[in-house]
PDB file of all heavy atoms in Angstrom:
ATOM      1  N   GLN A   1       3.264  -2.459   3.397  1.00  0.00           N
ATOM      2  CA  GLN A   1       3.669  -1.487   4.334  1.00  0.00           C
ATOM      3  C   GLN A   1       2.618  -0.355   4.376  1.00  0.00           C
ATOM      4  O   GLN A   1       1.929  -0.072   3.405  1.00  0.00           O
ATOM      5  CB  GLN A   1       4.992  -0.871   3.957  1.00  0.00           C
ATOM      6  CG  GLN A   1       6.117  -1.842   3.781  1.00  0.00           C
ATOM      7  CD  GLN A   1       7.405  -1.177   3.336  1.00  0.00           C
ATOM      8  OE1 GLN A   1       8.350  -1.179   4.006  1.00  0.00           O
ATOM      9  NE2 GLN A   1       7.424  -0.552   2.173  1.00  0.00           N
ATOM     10  N   ALA A   2       2.549   0.242   5.539  1.00  0.00           N
ATOM     11  CA  ALA A   2       1.657   1.446   5.732  1.00  0.00           C
ATOM     12  C   ALA A   2       2.578   2.626   6.060  1.00  0.00           C
ATOM     13  O   ALA A   2       3.030   2.719   7.169  1.00  0.00           O
ATOM     14  CB  ALA A   2       0.641   1.208   6.855  1.00  0.00           C
ATOM     15  N   VAL A   3       2.893   3.443   5.038  1.00  0.00           N
ATOM     16  CA  VAL A   3       3.860   4.503   5.240  1.00  0.00           C
ATOM     17  C   VAL A   3       3.160   5.847   4.986  1.00  0.00           C
ATOM     18  O   VAL A   3       2.492   6.069   3.970  1.00  0.00           O
ATOM     19  CB  VAL A   3       5.026   4.377   4.268  1.00  0.00           C
ATOM     20  CG1 VAL A   3       6.036   5.523   4.408  1.00  0.00           C
ATOM     21  CG2 VAL A   3       5.746   3.025   4.557  1.00  0.00           C
ATOM     22  N   SER A   4       3.398   6.839   5.949  1.00  0.00           N
ATOM     23  CA  SER A   4       2.882   8.106   5.783  1.00  0.00           C
ATOM     24  C   SER A   4       4.046   9.064   5.811  1.00  0.00           C
ATOM     25  O   SER A   4       4.858   9.111   6.687  1.00  0.00           O
ATOM     26  CB  SER A   4       1.926   8.466   7.027  1.00  0.00           C
ATOM     27  OG  SER A   4       1.401   9.755   6.847  1.00  0.00           O
ATOM     28  N   VAL A   5       4.132   9.853   4.690  1.00  0.00           N
ATOM     29  CA  VAL A   5       5.244  10.833   4.571  1.00  0.00           C
ATOM     30  C   VAL A   5       4.700  12.233   4.615  1.00  0.00           C
ATOM     31  O   VAL A   5       3.756  12.590   3.890  1.00  0.00           O
ATOM     32  CB  VAL A   5       6.004  10.614   3.186  1.00  0.00           C
ATOM     33  CG1 VAL A   5       7.099  11.664   3.017  1.00  0.00           C
ATOM     34  CG2 VAL A   5       6.504   9.167   3.132  1.00  0.00           C
ATOM     35  N   LEU A   6       5.265  13.069   5.481  1.00  0.00           N
ATOM     36  CA  LEU A   6       4.807  14.417   5.672  1.00  0.00           C
ATOM     37  C   LEU A   6       5.797  15.330   4.916  1.00  0.00           C
ATOM     38  O   LEU A   6       6.934  15.407   5.310  1.00  0.00           O
ATOM     39  CB  LEU A   6       4.754  14.788   7.170  1.00  0.00           C
ATOM     40  CG  LEU A   6       3.822  13.931   7.988  1.00  0.00           C
ATOM     41  CD1 LEU A   6       3.897  14.396   9.473  1.00  0.00           C
ATOM     42  CD2 LEU A   6       2.391  13.987   7.494  1.00  0.00           C
ATOM     43  N   VAL A   7       5.311  16.017   3.926  1.00  0.00           N
ATOM     44  CA  VAL A   7       6.073  17.006   3.149  1.00  0.00           C
ATOM     45  C   VAL A   7       5.152  18.211   3.085  1.00  0.00           C
ATOM     46  O   VAL A   7       3.970  18.184   3.361  1.00  0.00           O
ATOM     47  CB  VAL A   7       6.530  16.502   1.744  1.00  0.00           C
ATOM     48  CG1 VAL A   7       7.574  15.401   1.866  1.00  0.00           C
ATOM     49  CG2 VAL A   7       5.359  16.033   0.922  1.00  0.00           C
ATOM     50  N   PHE A   8       5.711  19.350   2.630  1.00  0.00           N
ATOM     51  CA  PHE A   8       4.967  20.590   2.596  1.00  0.00           C
ATOM     52  C   PHE A   8       4.888  21.162   1.176  1.00  0.00           C
ATOM     53  O   PHE A   8       5.852  21.219   0.449  1.00  0.00           O
ATOM     54  CB  PHE A   8       5.731  21.608   3.502  1.00  0.00           C
ATOM     55  CG  PHE A   8       5.033  22.890   3.715  1.00  0.00           C
ATOM     56  CD1 PHE A   8       4.009  22.945   4.503  1.00  0.00           C
ATOM     57  CD2 PHE A   8       5.538  24.016   3.059  1.00  0.00           C
ATOM     58  CE1 PHE A   8       3.354  24.212   4.714  1.00  0.00           C
ATOM     59  CE2 PHE A   8       4.921  25.293   3.253  1.00  0.00           C
ATOM     60  CZ  PHE A   8       3.821  25.337   4.076  1.00  0.00           C
ATOM     61  N   PRO A   9       3.649  21.616   0.816  1.00  0.00           N
ATOM     62  CA  PRO A   9       3.466  22.258  -0.510  1.00  0.00           C
ATOM     63  C   PRO A   9       4.128  23.664  -0.427  1.00  0.00           C
ATOM     64  O   PRO A   9       3.514  24.565   0.150  1.00  0.00           O
ATOM     65  CB  PRO A   9       1.966  22.315  -0.694  1.00  0.00           C
ATOM     66  CG  PRO A   9       1.369  22.250   0.707  1.00  0.00           C
ATOM     67  CD  PRO A   9       2.384  21.508   1.525  1.00  0.00           C
ATOM     68  N   TRP A  10       5.307  23.770  -0.982  1.00  0.00           N
ATOM     69  CA  TRP A  10       6.082  25.020  -0.807  1.00  0.00           C
ATOM     70  C   TRP A  10       5.619  26.163  -1.713  1.00  0.00           C
ATOM     71  O   TRP A  10       5.620  27.285  -1.320  1.00  0.00           O
ATOM     72  CB  TRP A  10       7.579  24.714  -1.061  1.00  0.00           C
ATOM     73  CG  TRP A  10       8.487  25.777  -0.712  1.00  0.00           C
ATOM     74  CD1 TRP A  10       9.215  26.511  -1.655  1.00  0.00           C
ATOM     75  CD2 TRP A  10       8.867  26.255   0.564  1.00  0.00           C
ATOM     76  NE1 TRP A  10      10.008  27.425  -0.975  1.00  0.00           N
ATOM     77  CE2 TRP A  10       9.811  27.300   0.379  1.00  0.00           C
ATOM     78  CE3 TRP A  10       8.488  25.937   1.818  1.00  0.00           C
ATOM     79  CZ2 TRP A  10      10.349  28.060   1.443  1.00  0.00           C
ATOM     80  CZ3 TRP A  10       8.970  26.667   2.903  1.00  0.00           C
ATOM     81  CH2 TRP A  10       9.942  27.628   2.706  1.00  0.00           C
ATOM     82  N   SER A  11       5.230  25.839  -2.982  1.00  0.00           N
ATOM     83  CA  SER A  11       4.782  26.840  -3.928  1.00  0.00           C
ATOM     84  C   SER A  11       3.867  26.159  -4.896  1.00  0.00           C
ATOM     85  O   SER A  11       3.493  25.004  -4.753  1.00  0.00           O
ATOM     86  CB  SER A  11       5.984  27.421  -4.672  1.00  0.00           C
ATOM     87  OG  SER A  11       6.538  26.453  -5.534  1.00  0.00           O
ATOM     88  N   ALA A  12       3.489  26.856  -5.961  1.00  0.00           N
ATOM     89  CA  ALA A  12       2.511  26.319  -6.947  1.00  0.00           C
ATOM     90  C   ALA A  12       3.066  25.148  -7.702  1.00  0.00           C
ATOM     91  O   ALA A  12       2.299  24.336  -8.184  1.00  0.00           O
ATOM     92  CB  ALA A  12       2.158  27.420  -7.923  1.00  0.00           C
ATOM     93  N   HIS A  13       4.387  24.939  -7.677  1.00  0.00           N
ATOM     94  CA  HIS A  13       5.034  23.787  -8.385  1.00  0.00           C
ATOM     95  C   HIS A  13       6.085  23.117  -7.594  1.00  0.00           C
ATOM     96  O   HIS A  13       6.875  22.401  -8.229  1.00  0.00           O
ATOM     97  CB  HIS A  13       5.608  24.353  -9.698  1.00  0.00           C
ATOM     98  CG  HIS A  13       4.633  25.028 -10.599  1.00  0.00           C
ATOM     99  ND1 HIS A  13       3.607  24.340 -11.292  1.00  0.00           N
ATOM    100  CD2 HIS A  13       4.397  26.336 -10.876  1.00  0.00           C
ATOM    101  CE1 HIS A  13       2.880  25.214 -11.930  1.00  0.00           C
ATOM    102  NE2 HIS A  13       3.294  26.396 -11.680  1.00  0.00           N
ATOM    103  N   THR A  14       6.085  23.298  -6.281  1.00  0.00           N
ATOM    104  CA  THR A  14       7.209  22.741  -5.522  1.00  0.00           C
ATOM    105  C   THR A  14       6.713  22.135  -4.155  1.00  0.00           C
ATOM    106  O   THR A  14       5.875  22.743  -3.537  1.00  0.00           O
ATOM    107  CB  THR A  14       8.267  23.774  -5.212  1.00  0.00           C
ATOM    108  OG1 THR A  14       8.659  24.436  -6.431  1.00  0.00           O
ATOM    109  CG2 THR A  14       9.495  23.202  -4.560  1.00  0.00           C
ATOM    110  N   VAL A  15       7.321  21.050  -3.789  1.00  0.00           N
ATOM    111  CA  VAL A  15       7.027  20.354  -2.545  1.00  0.00           C
ATOM    112  C   VAL A  15       8.357  20.355  -1.787  1.00  0.00           C
ATOM    113  O   VAL A  15       9.368  20.067  -2.346  1.00  0.00           O
ATOM    114  CB  VAL A  15       6.533  18.950  -2.694  1.00  0.00           C
ATOM    115  CG1 VAL A  15       6.471  18.199  -1.455  1.00  0.00           C
ATOM    116  CG2 VAL A  15       5.129  18.912  -3.311  1.00  0.00           C
ATOM    117  N   ARG A  16       8.348  20.742  -0.476  1.00  0.00           N
ATOM    118  CA  ARG A  16       9.543  20.717   0.322  1.00  0.00           C
ATOM    119  C   ARG A  16       9.585  19.506   1.282  1.00  0.00           C
ATOM    120  O   ARG A  16       8.627  19.338   2.039  1.00  0.00           O
ATOM    121  CB  ARG A  16       9.647  22.068   1.079  1.00  0.00           C
ATOM    122  CG  ARG A  16      10.926  22.173   1.823  1.00  0.00           C
ATOM    123  CD  ARG A  16      10.992  23.378   2.699  1.00  0.00           C
ATOM    124  NE  ARG A  16      10.131  23.192   3.850  1.00  0.00           N
ATOM    125  CZ  ARG A  16      10.105  23.960   4.954  1.00  0.00           C
ATOM    126  NH1 ARG A  16      10.795  25.008   4.974  1.00  0.00           N
ATOM    127  NH2 ARG A  16       9.290  23.721   5.973  1.00  0.00           N
ATOM    128  N   ALA A  17      10.696  18.841   1.295  1.00  0.00           N
ATOM    129  CA  ALA A  17      10.895  17.779   2.286  1.00  0.00           C
ATOM    130  C   ALA A  17      12.118  18.181   3.142  1.00  0.00           C
ATOM    131  O   ALA A  17      13.118  18.644   2.626  1.00  0.00           O
ATOM    132  CB  ALA A  17      11.225  16.478   1.482  1.00  0.00           C
ATOM    133  N   VAL A  18      11.989  17.966   4.446  1.00  0.00           N
ATOM    134  CA  VAL A  18      13.040  18.416   5.388  1.00  0.00           C
ATOM    135  C   VAL A  18      13.372  17.250   6.346  1.00  0.00           C
ATOM    136  O   VAL A  18      12.474  16.615   6.816  1.00  0.00           O
ATOM    137  CB  VAL A  18      12.555  19.665   6.236  1.00  0.00           C
ATOM    138  CG1 VAL A  18      13.610  20.086   7.202  1.00  0.00           C
ATOM    139  CG2 VAL A  18      12.181  20.750   5.308  1.00  0.00           C
ATOM    140  N   TRP A  19      14.642  17.049   6.548  1.00  0.00           N
ATOM    141  CA  TRP A  19      15.127  16.000   7.454  1.00  0.00           C
ATOM    142  C   TRP A  19      15.536  16.681   8.809  1.00  0.00           C
ATOM    143  O   TRP A  19      16.078  17.765   8.750  1.00  0.00           O
ATOM    144  CB  TRP A  19      16.286  15.239   6.844  1.00  0.00           C
ATOM    145  CG  TRP A  19      15.854  14.192   5.882  1.00  0.00           C
ATOM    146  CD1 TRP A  19      15.791  12.844   6.230  1.00  0.00           C
ATOM    147  CD2 TRP A  19      15.216  14.387   4.631  1.00  0.00           C
ATOM    148  NE1 TRP A  19      15.233  12.139   5.118  1.00  0.00           N
ATOM    149  CE2 TRP A  19      14.889  13.070   4.230  1.00  0.00           C
ATOM    150  CE3 TRP A  19      14.976  15.458   3.840  1.00  0.00           C
ATOM    151  CZ2 TRP A  19      14.320  12.896   2.923  1.00  0.00           C
ATOM    152  CZ3 TRP A  19      14.327  15.266   2.615  1.00  0.00           C
ATOM    153  CH2 TRP A  19      14.025  14.005   2.154  1.00  0.00           C
ATOM    154  N   HIS A  20      15.246  15.946   9.845  1.00  0.00           N
ATOM    155  CA  HIS A  20      15.698  16.385  11.197  1.00  0.00           C
ATOM    156  C   HIS A  20      16.120  15.165  12.017  1.00  0.00           C
ATOM    157  O   HIS A  20      16.050  13.993  11.553  1.00  0.00           O
ATOM    158  CB  HIS A  20      14.642  17.232  11.880  1.00  0.00           C
ATOM    159  CG  HIS A  20      13.299  16.559  11.982  1.00  0.00           C
ATOM    160  ND1 HIS A  20      13.057  15.621  12.986  1.00  0.00           N
ATOM    161  CD2 HIS A  20      12.174  16.672  11.265  1.00  0.00           C
ATOM    162  CE1 HIS A  20      11.854  15.202  12.892  1.00  0.00           C
ATOM    163  NE2 HIS A  20      11.262  15.817  11.816  1.00  0.00           N
ATOM    164  N   ARG A  21      16.504  15.419  13.225  1.00  0.00           N
ATOM    165  CA  ARG A  21      17.087  14.352  14.126  1.00  0.00           C
ATOM    166  C   ARG A  21      16.171  13.145  14.166  1.00  0.00           C
ATOM    167  O   ARG A  21      16.680  12.036  14.393  1.00  0.00           O
ATOM    168  CB  ARG A  21      17.237  15.013  15.424  1.00  0.00           C
ATOM    169  CG  ARG A  21      17.855  14.058  16.466  1.00  0.00           C
ATOM    170  CD  ARG A  21      17.979  14.770  17.815  1.00  0.00           C
ATOM    171  NE  ARG A  21      18.700  13.938  18.736  1.00  0.00           N
ATOM    172  CZ  ARG A  21      19.978  14.002  18.926  1.00  0.00           C
ATOM    173  NH1 ARG A  21      20.723  14.845  18.336  1.00  0.00           N
ATOM    174  NH2 ARG A  21      20.538  13.189  19.820  1.00  0.00           N
ATOM    175  N   ASP A  22      14.868  13.292  14.087  1.00  0.00           N
ATOM    176  CA  ASP A  22      13.968  12.100  14.285  1.00  0.00           C
ATOM    177  C   ASP A  22      13.677  11.349  13.039  1.00  0.00           C
ATOM    178  O   ASP A  22      12.813  10.428  12.990  1.00  0.00           O
ATOM    179  CB  ASP A  22      12.715  12.566  14.930  1.00  0.00           C
ATOM    180  CG  ASP A  22      12.913  13.136  16.288  1.00  0.00           C
ATOM    181  OD1 ASP A  22      13.762  12.666  17.034  1.00  0.00           O
ATOM    182  OD2 ASP A  22      12.167  14.077  16.722  1.00  0.00           O
ATOM    183  N   VAL A  23      14.328  11.686  11.838  1.00  0.00           N
ATOM    184  CA  VAL A  23      14.143  10.981  10.610  1.00  0.00           C
ATOM    185  C   VAL A  23      15.366  10.180  10.330  1.00  0.00           C
ATOM    186  O   VAL A  23      16.414  10.706  10.103  1.00  0.00           O
ATOM    187  CB  VAL A  23      13.856  11.999   9.460  1.00  0.00           C
ATOM    188  CG1 VAL A  23      13.628  11.186   8.170  1.00  0.00           C
ATOM    189  CG2 VAL A  23      12.697  12.892   9.755  1.00  0.00           C
ATOM    190  N   SER A  24      15.205   8.895  10.372  1.00  0.00           N
ATOM    191  CA  SER A  24      16.327   7.891  10.189  1.00  0.00           C
ATOM    192  C   SER A  24      16.589   7.558   8.716  1.00  0.00           C
ATOM    193  O   SER A  24      15.825   7.936   7.821  1.00  0.00           O
ATOM    194  CB  SER A  24      16.026   6.610  10.949  1.00  0.00           C
ATOM    195  OG  SER A  24      14.952   5.909  10.348  1.00  0.00           O
ATOM    196  N   ALA A  25      17.650   6.799   8.542  1.00  0.00           N
ATOM    197  CA  ALA A  25      18.022   6.386   7.133  1.00  0.00           C
ATOM    198  C   ALA A  25      16.891   5.450   6.712  1.00  0.00           C
ATOM    199  O   ALA A  25      16.499   5.440   5.504  1.00  0.00           O
ATOM    200  CB  ALA A  25      19.324   5.643   7.149  1.00  0.00           C
ATOM    201  N   ARG A  26      16.349   4.571   7.607  1.00  0.00           N
ATOM    202  CA  ARG A  26      15.269   3.687   7.216  1.00  0.00           C
ATOM    203  C   ARG A  26      14.011   4.474   6.880  1.00  0.00           C
ATOM    204  O   ARG A  26      13.307   4.143   5.930  1.00  0.00           O
ATOM    205  CB  ARG A  26      14.957   2.706   8.366  1.00  0.00           C
ATOM    206  CG  ARG A  26      13.836   1.761   8.135  1.00  0.00           C
ATOM    207  CD  ARG A  26      14.095   0.842   6.938  1.00  0.00           C
ATOM    208  NE  ARG A  26      12.954  -0.032   6.690  1.00  0.00           N
ATOM    209  CZ  ARG A  26      12.532  -0.380   5.517  1.00  0.00           C
ATOM    210  NH1 ARG A  26      13.198  -0.017   4.407  1.00  0.00           N
ATOM    211  NH2 ARG A  26      11.472  -1.143   5.356  1.00  0.00           N
ATOM    212  N   ASP A  27      13.723   5.505   7.662  1.00  0.00           N
ATOM    213  CA  ASP A  27      12.542   6.361   7.294  1.00  0.00           C
ATOM    214  C   ASP A  27      12.738   6.994   5.854  1.00  0.00           C
ATOM    215  O   ASP A  27      11.790   7.132   5.133  1.00  0.00           O
ATOM    216  CB  ASP A  27      12.442   7.560   8.294  1.00  0.00           C
ATOM    217  CG  ASP A  27      12.119   7.017   9.726  1.00  0.00           C
ATOM    218  OD1 ASP A  27      11.540   5.993   9.861  1.00  0.00           O
ATOM    219  OD2 ASP A  27      12.444   7.752  10.673  1.00  0.00           O
ATOM    220  N   THR A  28      13.971   7.353   5.584  1.00  0.00           N
ATOM    221  CA  THR A  28      14.301   7.916   4.268  1.00  0.00           C
ATOM    222  C   THR A  28      14.023   6.896   3.197  1.00  0.00           C
ATOM    223  O   THR A  28      13.432   7.233   2.155  1.00  0.00           O
ATOM    224  CB  THR A  28      15.734   8.430   4.222  1.00  0.00           C
ATOM    225  OG1 THR A  28      15.857   9.390   5.284  1.00  0.00           O
ATOM    226  CG2 THR A  28      16.070   9.053   2.937  1.00  0.00           C
ATOM    227  N   GLU A  29      14.414   5.674   3.384  1.00  0.00           N
ATOM    228  CA  GLU A  29      14.170   4.641   2.407  1.00  0.00           C
ATOM    229  C   GLU A  29      12.643   4.409   2.200  1.00  0.00           C
ATOM    230  O   GLU A  29      12.158   4.310   1.096  1.00  0.00           O
ATOM    231  CB  GLU A  29      14.782   3.319   2.842  1.00  0.00           C
ATOM    232  CG  GLU A  29      16.260   3.226   2.727  1.00  0.00           C
ATOM    233  CD  GLU A  29      16.837   1.939   3.209  1.00  0.00           C
ATOM    234  OE1 GLU A  29      16.050   1.017   3.501  1.00  0.00           O
ATOM    235  OE2 GLU A  29      18.055   1.800   3.281  1.00  0.00           O
ATOM    236  N   LEU A  30      11.923   4.423   3.342  1.00  0.00           N
ATOM    237  CA  LEU A  30      10.474   4.246   3.234  1.00  0.00           C
ATOM    238  C   LEU A  30       9.846   5.399   2.454  1.00  0.00           C
ATOM    239  O   LEU A  30       8.857   5.156   1.734  1.00  0.00           O
ATOM    240  CB  LEU A  30       9.867   4.082   4.617  1.00  0.00           C
ATOM    241  CG  LEU A  30      10.214   2.794   5.395  1.00  0.00           C
ATOM    242  CD1 LEU A  30       9.739   2.867   6.805  1.00  0.00           C
ATOM    243  CD2 LEU A  30       9.599   1.633   4.645  1.00  0.00           C
ATOM    244  N   ALA A  31      10.299   6.623   2.733  1.00  0.00           N
ATOM    245  CA  ALA A  31       9.804   7.770   1.966  1.00  0.00           C
ATOM    246  C   ALA A  31      10.082   7.660   0.502  1.00  0.00           C
ATOM    247  O   ALA A  31       9.240   8.021  -0.338  1.00  0.00           O
ATOM    248  CB  ALA A  31      10.410   9.034   2.579  1.00  0.00           C
ATOM    249  N   MET A  32      11.221   7.185   0.155  1.00  0.00           N
ATOM    250  CA  MET A  32      11.623   7.022  -1.252  1.00  0.00           C
ATOM    251  C   MET A  32      10.675   5.997  -1.907  1.00  0.00           C
ATOM    252  O   MET A  32      10.175   6.201  -3.070  1.00  0.00           O
ATOM    253  CB  MET A  32      13.072   6.536  -1.382  1.00  0.00           C
ATOM    254  CG  MET A  32      14.062   7.662  -1.030  1.00  0.00           C
ATOM    255  SD  MET A  32      15.708   7.005  -0.586  1.00  0.00           S
ATOM    256  CE  MET A  32      16.255   6.238  -2.066  1.00  0.00           C
ATOM    257  N   GLU A  33      10.413   4.892  -1.200  1.00  0.00           N
ATOM    258  CA  GLU A  33       9.463   3.861  -1.692  1.00  0.00           C
ATOM    259  C   GLU A  33       8.092   4.421  -1.877  1.00  0.00           C
ATOM    260  O   GLU A  33       7.389   4.135  -2.863  1.00  0.00           O
ATOM    261  CB  GLU A  33       9.552   2.682  -0.812  1.00  0.00           C
ATOM    262  CG  GLU A  33      10.802   1.881  -0.823  1.00  0.00           C
ATOM    263  CD  GLU A  33      10.900   0.811   0.203  1.00  0.00           C
ATOM    264  OE1 GLU A  33       9.887   0.527   0.922  1.00  0.00           O
ATOM    265  OE2 GLU A  33      11.944   0.179   0.351  1.00  0.00           O
ATOM    266  N   LYS A  34       7.639   5.167  -0.883  1.00  0.00           N
ATOM    267  CA  LYS A  34       6.309   5.777  -0.928  1.00  0.00           C
ATOM    268  C   LYS A  34       6.145   6.676  -2.081  1.00  0.00           C
ATOM    269  O   LYS A  34       5.174   6.718  -2.826  1.00  0.00           O
ATOM    270  CB  LYS A  34       6.015   6.461   0.376  1.00  0.00           C
ATOM    271  CG  LYS A  34       4.644   7.147   0.470  1.00  0.00           C
ATOM    272  CD  LYS A  34       3.506   6.180   0.526  1.00  0.00           C
ATOM    273  CE  LYS A  34       2.179   6.937   0.704  1.00  0.00           C
ATOM    274  NZ  LYS A  34       1.344   6.392   1.802  1.00  0.00           N
TER     275      LYS A  34
END
């Protein structure tokens, strides 16, 4: 698979992931695998 996951470097020790209408359950599974 070729999966690209966009998350945000929130602070010096934290990454933030946000779900919205265009992120499906399958996208979530792919993000977990990635």
